[in-house]
Amino acid sequence: MEVVHRRCCGLDVHKKSVVACVVLSDPSGPPQREVRTFGTFTHEVLALADWLAEQQVTHVALESTGVYWKPIVRHEALFAVRG
């Protein structure tokens, strides 16, 4: 399988939590995966954004039922360079 994005994350957004799975690909070995769960309050979404920045994630995809995705997508911290 061809690697398209070397540092990516999938988000599963729920009413009270966001489950994030980061996949980091390295040509010298198999992809590494890490799953973490975050809450949906602002400080928890900021913690998610910080973690994605620490992991140097370049692409994020998300899945959500209903309207729970809206605060996540609207939160600029997830889509801006933090530092």
PDB file of N, CA and C in Angstrom:
ATOM      1  N   MET A   1       0.838  -1.171   0.000  1.00  0.00           N
ATOM      2  CA  MET A   1       0.000   0.000   0.000  1.00  0.00           C
ATOM      3  C   MET A   1       0.888   1.240   0.000  1.00  0.00           C
ATOM      4  N   GLU A   2       0.513   2.213  -0.796  1.00  0.00           N
ATOM      5  CA  GLU A   2       1.273   3.454  -0.889  1.00  0.00           C
ATOM      6  C   GLU A   2       0.864   4.419   0.219  1.00  0.00           C
ATOM      7  N   VAL A   3       1.861   5.017   0.872  1.00  0.00           N
ATOM      8  CA  VAL A   3       1.599   6.021   1.901  1.00  0.00           C
ATOM      9  C   VAL A   3       1.332   7.344   1.207  1.00  0.00           C
ATOM     10  N   VAL A   4       0.176   7.939   1.494  1.00  0.00           N
ATOM     11  CA  VAL A   4      -0.189   9.211   0.884  1.00  0.00           C
ATOM     12  C   VAL A   4       0.159  10.364   1.815  1.00  0.00           C
ATOM     13  N   HIS A   5      -0.132  10.218   3.094  1.00  0.00           N
ATOM     14  CA  HIS A   5       0.165  11.237   4.097  1.00  0.00           C
ATOM     15  C   HIS A   5       0.962  10.577   5.230  1.00  0.00           C
ATOM     16  N   ARG A   6       2.145  11.075   5.483  1.00  0.00           N
ATOM     17  CA  ARG A   6       3.025  10.443   6.464  1.00  0.00           C
ATOM     18  C   ARG A   6       2.624  10.709   7.917  1.00  0.00           C
ATOM     19  N   ARG A   7       1.926  11.808   8.168  1.00  0.00           N
ATOM     20  CA  ARG A   7       1.545  12.166   9.539  1.00  0.00           C
ATOM     21  C   ARG A   7       0.087  12.614   9.510  1.00  0.00           C
ATOM     22  N   CYS A   8      -0.813  11.685   9.819  1.00  0.00           N
ATOM     23  CA  CYS A   8      -2.234  12.004   9.706  1.00  0.00           C
ATOM     24  C   CYS A   8      -3.000  11.541  10.940  1.00  0.00           C
ATOM     25  N   CYS A   9      -4.240  12.005  11.034  1.00  0.00           N
ATOM     26  CA  CYS A   9      -5.067  11.682  12.189  1.00  0.00           C
ATOM     27  C   CYS A   9      -6.513  11.512  11.744  1.00  0.00           C
ATOM     28  N   GLY A  10      -7.178  10.529  12.317  1.00  0.00           N
ATOM     29  CA  GLY A  10      -8.606  10.339  12.142  1.00  0.00           C
ATOM     30  C   GLY A  10      -9.300  10.686  13.446  1.00  0.00           C
ATOM     31  N   LEU A  11     -10.373  11.462  13.370  1.00  0.00           N
ATOM     32  CA  LEU A  11     -11.134  11.853  14.558  1.00  0.00           C
ATOM     33  C   LEU A  11     -12.525  11.241  14.478  1.00  0.00           C
ATOM     34  N   ASP A  12     -12.969  10.656  15.583  1.00  0.00           N
ATOM     35  CA  ASP A  12     -14.335  10.159  15.719  1.00  0.00           C
ATOM     36  C   ASP A  12     -14.989  11.041  16.775  1.00  0.00           C
ATOM     37  N   VAL A  13     -15.896  11.902  16.345  1.00  0.00           N
ATOM     38  CA  VAL A  13     -16.453  12.936  17.208  1.00  0.00           C
ATOM     39  C   VAL A  13     -17.804  12.483  17.770  1.00  0.00           C
ATOM     40  N   HIS A  14     -17.905  12.546  19.086  1.00  0.00           N
ATOM     41  CA  HIS A  14     -19.128  12.201  19.795  1.00  0.00           C
ATOM     42  C   HIS A  14     -19.602  13.420  20.583  1.00  0.00           C
ATOM     43  N   LYS A  15     -20.736  13.299  21.250  1.00  0.00           N
ATOM     44  CA  LYS A  15     -21.283  14.416  22.011  1.00  0.00           C
ATOM     45  C   LYS A  15     -20.335  14.866  23.123  1.00  0.00           C
ATOM     46  N   LYS A  16     -19.750  13.910  23.859  1.00  0.00           N
ATOM     47  CA  LYS A  16     -18.920  14.256  25.012  1.00  0.00           C
ATOM     48  C   LYS A  16     -17.453  13.885  24.854  1.00  0.00           C
ATOM     49  N   SER A  17     -17.081  13.345  23.708  1.00  0.00           N
ATOM     50  CA  SER A  17     -15.683  12.959  23.528  1.00  0.00           C
ATOM     51  C   SER A  17     -15.283  12.993  22.057  1.00  0.00           C
ATOM     52  N   VAL A  18     -13.974  13.073  21.864  1.00  0.00           N
ATOM     53  CA  VAL A  18     -13.370  12.982  20.534  1.00  0.00           C
ATOM     54  C   VAL A  18     -12.265  11.941  20.633  1.00  0.00           C
ATOM     55  N   VAL A  19     -12.361  10.885  19.842  1.00  0.00           N
ATOM     56  CA  VAL A  19     -11.325   9.859  19.812  1.00  0.00           C
ATOM     57  C   VAL A  19     -10.431  10.155  18.624  1.00  0.00           C
ATOM     58  N   ALA A  20      -9.137  10.282  18.902  1.00  0.00           N
ATOM     59  CA  ALA A  20      -8.160  10.623  17.862  1.00  0.00           C
ATOM     60  C   ALA A  20      -7.189   9.466  17.672  1.00  0.00           C
ATOM     61  N   CYS A  21      -6.973   9.081  16.427  1.00  0.00           N
ATOM     62  CA  CYS A  21      -5.983   8.055  16.095  1.00  0.00           C
ATOM     63  C   CYS A  21      -4.955   8.681  15.158  1.00  0.00           C
ATOM     64  N   VAL A  22      -3.741   8.833  15.654  1.00  0.00           N
ATOM     65  CA  VAL A  22      -2.647   9.389  14.861  1.00  0.00           C
ATOM     66  C   VAL A  22      -1.845   8.241  14.263  1.00  0.00           C
ATOM     67  N   VAL A  23      -1.558   8.346  12.978  1.00  0.00           N
ATOM     68  CA  VAL A  23      -0.721   7.366  12.284  1.00  0.00           C
ATOM     69  C   VAL A  23       0.493   8.101  11.746  1.00  0.00           C
ATOM     70  N   LEU A  24       1.665   7.639  12.185  1.00  0.00           N
ATOM     71  CA  LEU A  24       2.931   8.228  11.752  1.00  0.00           C
ATOM     72  C   LEU A  24       3.684   7.185  10.936  1.00  0.00           C
ATOM     73  N   SER A  25       3.950   7.510   9.675  1.00  0.00           N
ATOM     74  CA  SER A  25       4.645   6.588   8.783  1.00  0.00           C
ATOM     75  C   SER A  25       6.107   6.976   8.680  1.00  0.00           C
ATOM     76  N   ASP A  26       6.946   5.960   8.718  1.00  0.00           N
ATOM     77  CA  ASP A  26       8.386   6.151   8.595  1.00  0.00           C
ATOM     78  C   ASP A  26       8.894   5.135   7.580  1.00  0.00           C
ATOM     79  N   PRO A  27       9.631   5.582   6.577  1.00  0.00           N
ATOM     80  CA  PRO A  27      10.116   4.646   5.551  1.00  0.00           C
ATOM     81  C   PRO A  27      10.960   3.508   6.118  1.00  0.00           C
ATOM     82  N   SER A  28      11.548   3.693   7.294  1.00  0.00           N
ATOM     83  CA  SER A  28      12.434   2.667   7.842  1.00  0.00           C
ATOM     84  C   SER A  28      11.708   1.608   8.669  1.00  0.00           C
ATOM     85  N   GLY A  29      10.396   1.721   8.815  1.00  0.00           N
ATOM     86  CA  GLY A  29       9.676   0.736   9.616  1.00  0.00           C
ATOM     87  C   GLY A  29       8.183   0.824   9.413  1.00  0.00           C
ATOM     88  N   PRO A  30       7.457  -0.007  10.156  1.00  0.00           N
ATOM     89  CA  PRO A  30       5.999   0.002  10.022  1.00  0.00           C
ATOM     90  C   PRO A  30       5.389   1.270  10.618  1.00  0.00           C
ATOM     91  N   PRO A  31       4.200   1.646  10.168  1.00  0.00           N
ATOM     92  CA  PRO A  31       3.532   2.829  10.726  1.00  0.00           C
ATOM     93  C   PRO A  31       3.268   2.658  12.219  1.00  0.00           C
ATOM     94  N   GLN A  32       3.373   3.757  12.949  1.00  0.00           N
ATOM     95  CA  GLN A  32       3.069   3.756  14.379  1.00  0.00           C
ATOM     96  C   GLN A  32       1.701   4.395  14.566  1.00  0.00           C
ATOM     97  N   ARG A  33       0.900   3.786  15.439  1.00  0.00           N
ATOM     98  CA  ARG A  33      -0.445   4.307  15.716  1.00  0.00           C
ATOM     99  C   ARG A  33      -0.586   4.592  17.193  1.00  0.00           C
ATOM    100  N   GLU A  34      -1.262   5.690  17.503  1.00  0.00           N
ATOM    101  CA  GLU A  34      -1.574   6.009  18.890  1.00  0.00           C
ATOM    102  C   GLU A  34      -2.988   6.563  18.939  1.00  0.00           C
ATOM    103  N   VAL A  35      -3.781   6.059  19.880  1.00  0.00           N
ATOM    104  CA  VAL A  35      -5.165   6.493  20.043  1.00  0.00           C
ATOM    105  C   VAL A  35      -5.310   7.185  21.393  1.00  0.00           C
ATOM    106  N   ARG A  36      -5.931   8.350  21.390  1.00  0.00           N
ATOM    107  CA  ARG A  36      -6.218   9.090  22.628  1.00  0.00           C
ATOM    108  C   ARG A  36      -7.654   9.605  22.561  1.00  0.00           C
ATOM    109  N   THR A  37      -8.248   9.759  23.736  1.00  0.00           N
ATOM    110  CA  THR A  37      -9.604  10.292  23.835  1.00  0.00           C
ATOM    111  C   THR A  37      -9.567  11.626  24.564  1.00  0.00           C
ATOM    112  N   PHE A  38     -10.254  12.604  24.008  1.00  0.00           N
ATOM    113  CA  PHE A  38     -10.331  13.943  24.570  1.00  0.00           C
ATOM    114  C   PHE A  38     -11.791  14.300  24.797  1.00  0.00           C
ATOM    115  N   GLY A  39     -12.042  15.215  25.705  1.00  0.00           N
ATOM    116  CA  GLY A  39     -13.381  15.732  25.928  1.00  0.00           C
ATOM    117  C   GLY A  39     -13.697  16.803  24.903  1.00  0.00           C
ATOM    118  N   THR A  40     -14.878  17.397  25.028  1.00  0.00           N
ATOM    119  CA  THR A  40     -15.316  18.381  24.045  1.00  0.00           C
ATOM    120  C   THR A  40     -15.383  19.809  24.583  1.00  0.00           C
ATOM    121  N   PHE A  41     -14.956  20.017  25.840  1.00  0.00           N
ATOM    122  CA  PHE A  41     -14.870  21.383  26.348  1.00  0.00           C
ATOM    123  C   PHE A  41     -13.677  22.078  25.685  1.00  0.00           C
ATOM    124  N   THR A  42     -13.695  23.397  25.664  1.00  0.00           N
ATOM    125  CA  THR A  42     -12.669  24.162  24.951  1.00  0.00           C
ATOM    126  C   THR A  42     -11.257  23.770  25.367  1.00  0.00           C
ATOM    127  N   HIS A  43     -10.988  23.672  26.662  1.00  0.00           N
ATOM    128  CA  HIS A  43      -9.622  23.348  27.096  1.00  0.00           C
ATOM    129  C   HIS A  43      -9.212  21.939  26.648  1.00  0.00           C
ATOM    130  N   GLU A  44     -10.177  21.036  26.491  1.00  0.00           N
ATOM    131  CA  GLU A  44      -9.868  19.685  26.029  1.00  0.00           C
ATOM    132  C   GLU A  44      -9.618  19.655  24.521  1.00  0.00           C
ATOM    133  N   VAL A  45     -10.358  20.467  23.777  1.00  0.00           N
ATOM    134  CA  VAL A  45     -10.122  20.577  22.335  1.00  0.00           C
ATOM    135  C   VAL A  45      -8.759  21.225  22.084  1.00  0.00           C
ATOM    136  N   LEU A  46      -8.387  22.200  22.923  1.00  0.00           N
ATOM    137  CA  LEU A  46      -7.054  22.805  22.811  1.00  0.00           C
ATOM    138  C   LEU A  46      -5.963  21.780  23.110  1.00  0.00           C
ATOM    139  N   ALA A  47      -6.208  20.896  24.074  1.00  0.00           N
ATOM    140  CA  ALA A  47      -5.246  19.824  24.372  1.00  0.00           C
ATOM    141  C   ALA A  47      -5.103  18.897  23.164  1.00  0.00           C
ATOM    142  N   LEU A  48      -6.206  18.598  22.495  1.00  0.00           N
ATOM    143  CA  LEU A  48      -6.158  17.802  21.264  1.00  0.00           C
ATOM    144  C   LEU A  48      -5.331  18.520  20.205  1.00  0.00           C
ATOM    145  N   ALA A  49      -5.576  19.799  20.023  1.00  0.00           N
ATOM    146  CA  ALA A  49      -4.815  20.579  19.035  1.00  0.00           C
ATOM    147  C   ALA A  49      -3.327  20.573  19.365  1.00  0.00           C
ATOM    148  N   ASP A  50      -2.999  20.731  20.642  1.00  0.00           N
ATOM    149  CA  ASP A  50      -1.587  20.699  21.054  1.00  0.00           C
ATOM    150  C   ASP A  50      -0.956  19.351  20.749  1.00  0.00           C
ATOM    151  N   TRP A  51      -1.687  18.269  21.034  1.00  0.00           N
ATOM    152  CA  TRP A  51      -1.160  16.933  20.779  1.00  0.00           C
ATOM    153  C   TRP A  51      -0.923  16.713  19.280  1.00  0.00           C
ATOM    154  N   LEU A  52      -1.870  17.153  18.456  1.00  0.00           N
ATOM    155  CA  LEU A  52      -1.684  17.025  17.002  1.00  0.00           C
ATOM    156  C   LEU A  52      -0.483  17.821  16.525  1.00  0.00           C
ATOM    157  N   ALA A  53      -0.271  19.004  17.099  1.00  0.00           N
ATOM    158  CA  ALA A  53       0.901  19.816  16.740  1.00  0.00           C
ATOM    159  C   ALA A  53       2.190  19.123  17.180  1.00  0.00           C
ATOM    160  N   GLU A  54       2.196  18.561  18.386  1.00  0.00           N
ATOM    161  CA  GLU A  54       3.375  17.836  18.880  1.00  0.00           C
ATOM    162  C   GLU A  54       3.725  16.665  17.970  1.00  0.00           C
ATOM    163  N   GLN A  55       2.703  15.998  17.451  1.00  0.00           N
ATOM    164  CA  GLN A  55       2.915  14.855  16.565  1.00  0.00           C
ATOM    165  C   GLN A  55       3.201  15.279  15.130  1.00  0.00           C
ATOM    166  N   GLN A  56       3.166  16.581  14.872  1.00  0.00           N
ATOM    167  CA  GLN A  56       3.400  17.157  13.548  1.00  0.00           C
ATOM    168  C   GLN A  56       2.438  16.596  12.497  1.00  0.00           C
ATOM    169  N   VAL A  57       1.175  16.441  12.901  1.00  0.00           N
ATOM    170  CA  VAL A  57       0.137  15.948  11.998  1.00  0.00           C
ATOM    171  C   VAL A  57      -0.139  16.993  10.926  1.00  0.00           C
ATOM    172  N   THR A  58      -0.198  16.548   9.684  1.00  0.00           N
ATOM    173  CA  THR A  58      -0.431  17.459   8.564  1.00  0.00           C
ATOM    174  C   THR A  58      -1.838  17.353   7.989  1.00  0.00           C
ATOM    175  N   HIS A  59      -2.513  16.220   8.220  1.00  0.00           N
ATOM    176  CA  HIS A  59      -3.845  16.008   7.659  1.00  0.00           C
ATOM    177  C   HIS A  59      -4.753  15.354   8.701  1.00  0.00           C
ATOM    178  N   VAL A  60      -5.999  15.849   8.762  1.00  0.00           N
ATOM    179  CA  VAL A  60      -6.982  15.323   9.702  1.00  0.00           C
ATOM    180  C   VAL A  60      -8.260  15.005   8.940  1.00  0.00           C
ATOM    181  N   ALA A  61      -8.827  13.834   9.230  1.00  0.00           N
ATOM    182  CA  ALA A  61     -10.144  13.461   8.693  1.00  0.00           C
ATOM    183  C   ALA A  61     -11.038  13.178   9.891  1.00  0.00           C
ATOM    184  N   LEU A  62     -12.330  13.475   9.758  1.00  0.00           N
ATOM    185  CA  LEU A  62     -13.202  13.214  10.900  1.00  0.00           C
ATOM    186  C   LEU A  62     -14.511  12.584  10.481  1.00  0.00           C
ATOM    187  N   GLU A  63     -15.086  11.876  11.452  1.00  0.00           N
ATOM    188  CA  GLU A  63     -16.386  11.237  11.292  1.00  0.00           C
ATOM    189  C   GLU A  63     -17.225  11.658  12.474  1.00  0.00           C
ATOM    190  N   SER A  64     -18.475  11.980  12.216  1.00  0.00           N
ATOM    191  CA  SER A  64     -19.349  12.412  13.295  1.00  0.00           C
ATOM    192  C   SER A  64     -20.794  12.139  12.911  1.00  0.00           C
ATOM    193  N   THR A  65     -21.584  11.822  13.919  1.00  0.00           N
ATOM    194  CA  THR A  65     -23.014  11.680  13.725  1.00  0.00           C
ATOM    195  C   THR A  65     -23.679  12.953  14.219  1.00  0.00           C
ATOM    196  N   GLY A  66     -24.654  13.436  13.488  1.00  0.00           N
ATOM    197  CA  GLY A  66     -25.359  14.641  13.918  1.00  0.00           C
ATOM    198  C   GLY A  66     -24.503  15.882  13.752  1.00  0.00           C
ATOM    199  N   VAL A  67     -24.660  16.819  14.684  1.00  0.00           N
ATOM    200  CA  VAL A  67     -24.006  18.127  14.590  1.00  0.00           C
ATOM    201  C   VAL A  67     -22.788  18.262  15.508  1.00  0.00           C
ATOM    202  N   TYR A  68     -22.334  17.185  16.109  1.00  0.00           N
ATOM    203  CA  TYR A  68     -21.239  17.264  17.076  1.00  0.00           C
ATOM    204  C   TYR A  68     -19.920  17.679  16.445  1.00  0.00           C
ATOM    205  N   TRP A  69     -19.793  17.567  15.146  1.00  0.00           N
ATOM    206  CA  TRP A  69     -18.567  17.947  14.449  1.00  0.00           C
ATOM    207  C   TRP A  69     -18.376  19.460  14.379  1.00  0.00           C
ATOM    208  N   LYS A  70     -19.457  20.216  14.459  1.00  0.00           N
ATOM    209  CA  LYS A  70     -19.374  21.662  14.223  1.00  0.00           C
ATOM    210  C   LYS A  70     -18.399  22.395  15.137  1.00  0.00           C
ATOM    211  N   PRO A  71     -18.428  22.200  16.461  1.00  0.00           N
ATOM    212  CA  PRO A  71     -17.452  22.913  17.299  1.00  0.00           C
ATOM    213  C   PRO A  71     -16.011  22.519  17.001  1.00  0.00           C
ATOM    214  N   ILE A  72     -15.806  21.276  16.610  1.00  0.00           N
ATOM    215  CA  ILE A  72     -14.446  20.813  16.300  1.00  0.00           C
ATOM    216  C   ILE A  72     -13.956  21.486  15.016  1.00  0.00           C
ATOM    217  N   VAL A  73     -14.765  21.479  13.986  1.00  0.00           N
ATOM    218  CA  VAL A  73     -14.369  22.075  12.706  1.00  0.00           C
ATOM    219  C   VAL A  73     -14.208  23.584  12.834  1.00  0.00           C
ATOM    220  N   ARG A  74     -15.042  24.213  13.629  1.00  0.00           N
ATOM    221  CA  ARG A  74     -14.976  25.667  13.787  1.00  0.00           C
ATOM    222  C   ARG A  74     -13.833  26.118  14.677  1.00  0.00           C
ATOM    223  N   HIS A  75     -13.248  25.197  15.406  1.00  0.00           N
ATOM    224  CA  HIS A  75     -12.181  25.576  16.329  1.00  0.00           C
ATOM    225  C   HIS A  75     -10.880  25.788  15.575  1.00  0.00           C
ATOM    226  N   GLU A  76     -10.471  27.018  15.465  1.00  0.00           N
ATOM    227  CA  GLU A  76      -9.301  27.386  14.657  1.00  0.00           C
ATOM    228  C   GLU A  76      -8.032  26.685  15.121  1.00  0.00           C
ATOM    229  N   ALA A  77      -7.954  26.344  16.395  1.00  0.00           N
ATOM    230  CA  ALA A  77      -6.728  25.738  16.921  1.00  0.00           C
ATOM    231  C   ALA A  77      -6.389  24.427  16.232  1.00  0.00           C
ATOM    232  N   LEU A  78      -7.383  23.712  15.746  1.00  0.00           N
ATOM    233  CA  LEU A  78      -7.119  22.434  15.086  1.00  0.00           C
ATOM    234  C   LEU A  78      -6.585  22.607  13.670  1.00  0.00           C
ATOM    235  N   PHE A  79      -6.757  23.795  13.108  1.00  0.00           N
ATOM    236  CA  PHE A  79      -6.383  24.012  11.720  1.00  0.00           C
ATOM    237  C   PHE A  79      -5.366  25.113  11.538  1.00  0.00           C
ATOM    238  N   ALA A  80      -4.696  25.490  12.605  1.00  0.00           N
ATOM    239  CA  ALA A  80      -3.683  26.542  12.553  1.00  0.00           C
ATOM    240  C   ALA A  80      -2.387  26.012  13.161  1.00  0.00           C
ATOM    241  N   VAL A  81      -1.306  26.601  12.765  1.00  0.00           N
ATOM    242  CA  VAL A  81      -0.014  26.246  13.351  1.00  0.00           C
ATOM    243  C   VAL A  81       0.037  26.825  14.759  1.00  0.00           C
ATOM    244  N   ARG A  82       0.295  25.959  15.716  1.00  0.00           N
ATOM    245  CA  ARG A  82       0.356  26.396  17.094  1.00  0.00           C
ATOM    246  C   ARG A  82       1.810  26.388  17.551  1.00  0.00           C
ATOM    247  N   GLY A  83       2.144  27.303  18.406  1.00  0.00           N
ATOM    248  CA  GLY A  83       3.516  27.309  18.893  1.00  0.00           C
ATOM    249  C   GLY A  83       3.761  28.408  19.863  1.00  0.00           C
TER     250      GLY A  83
END
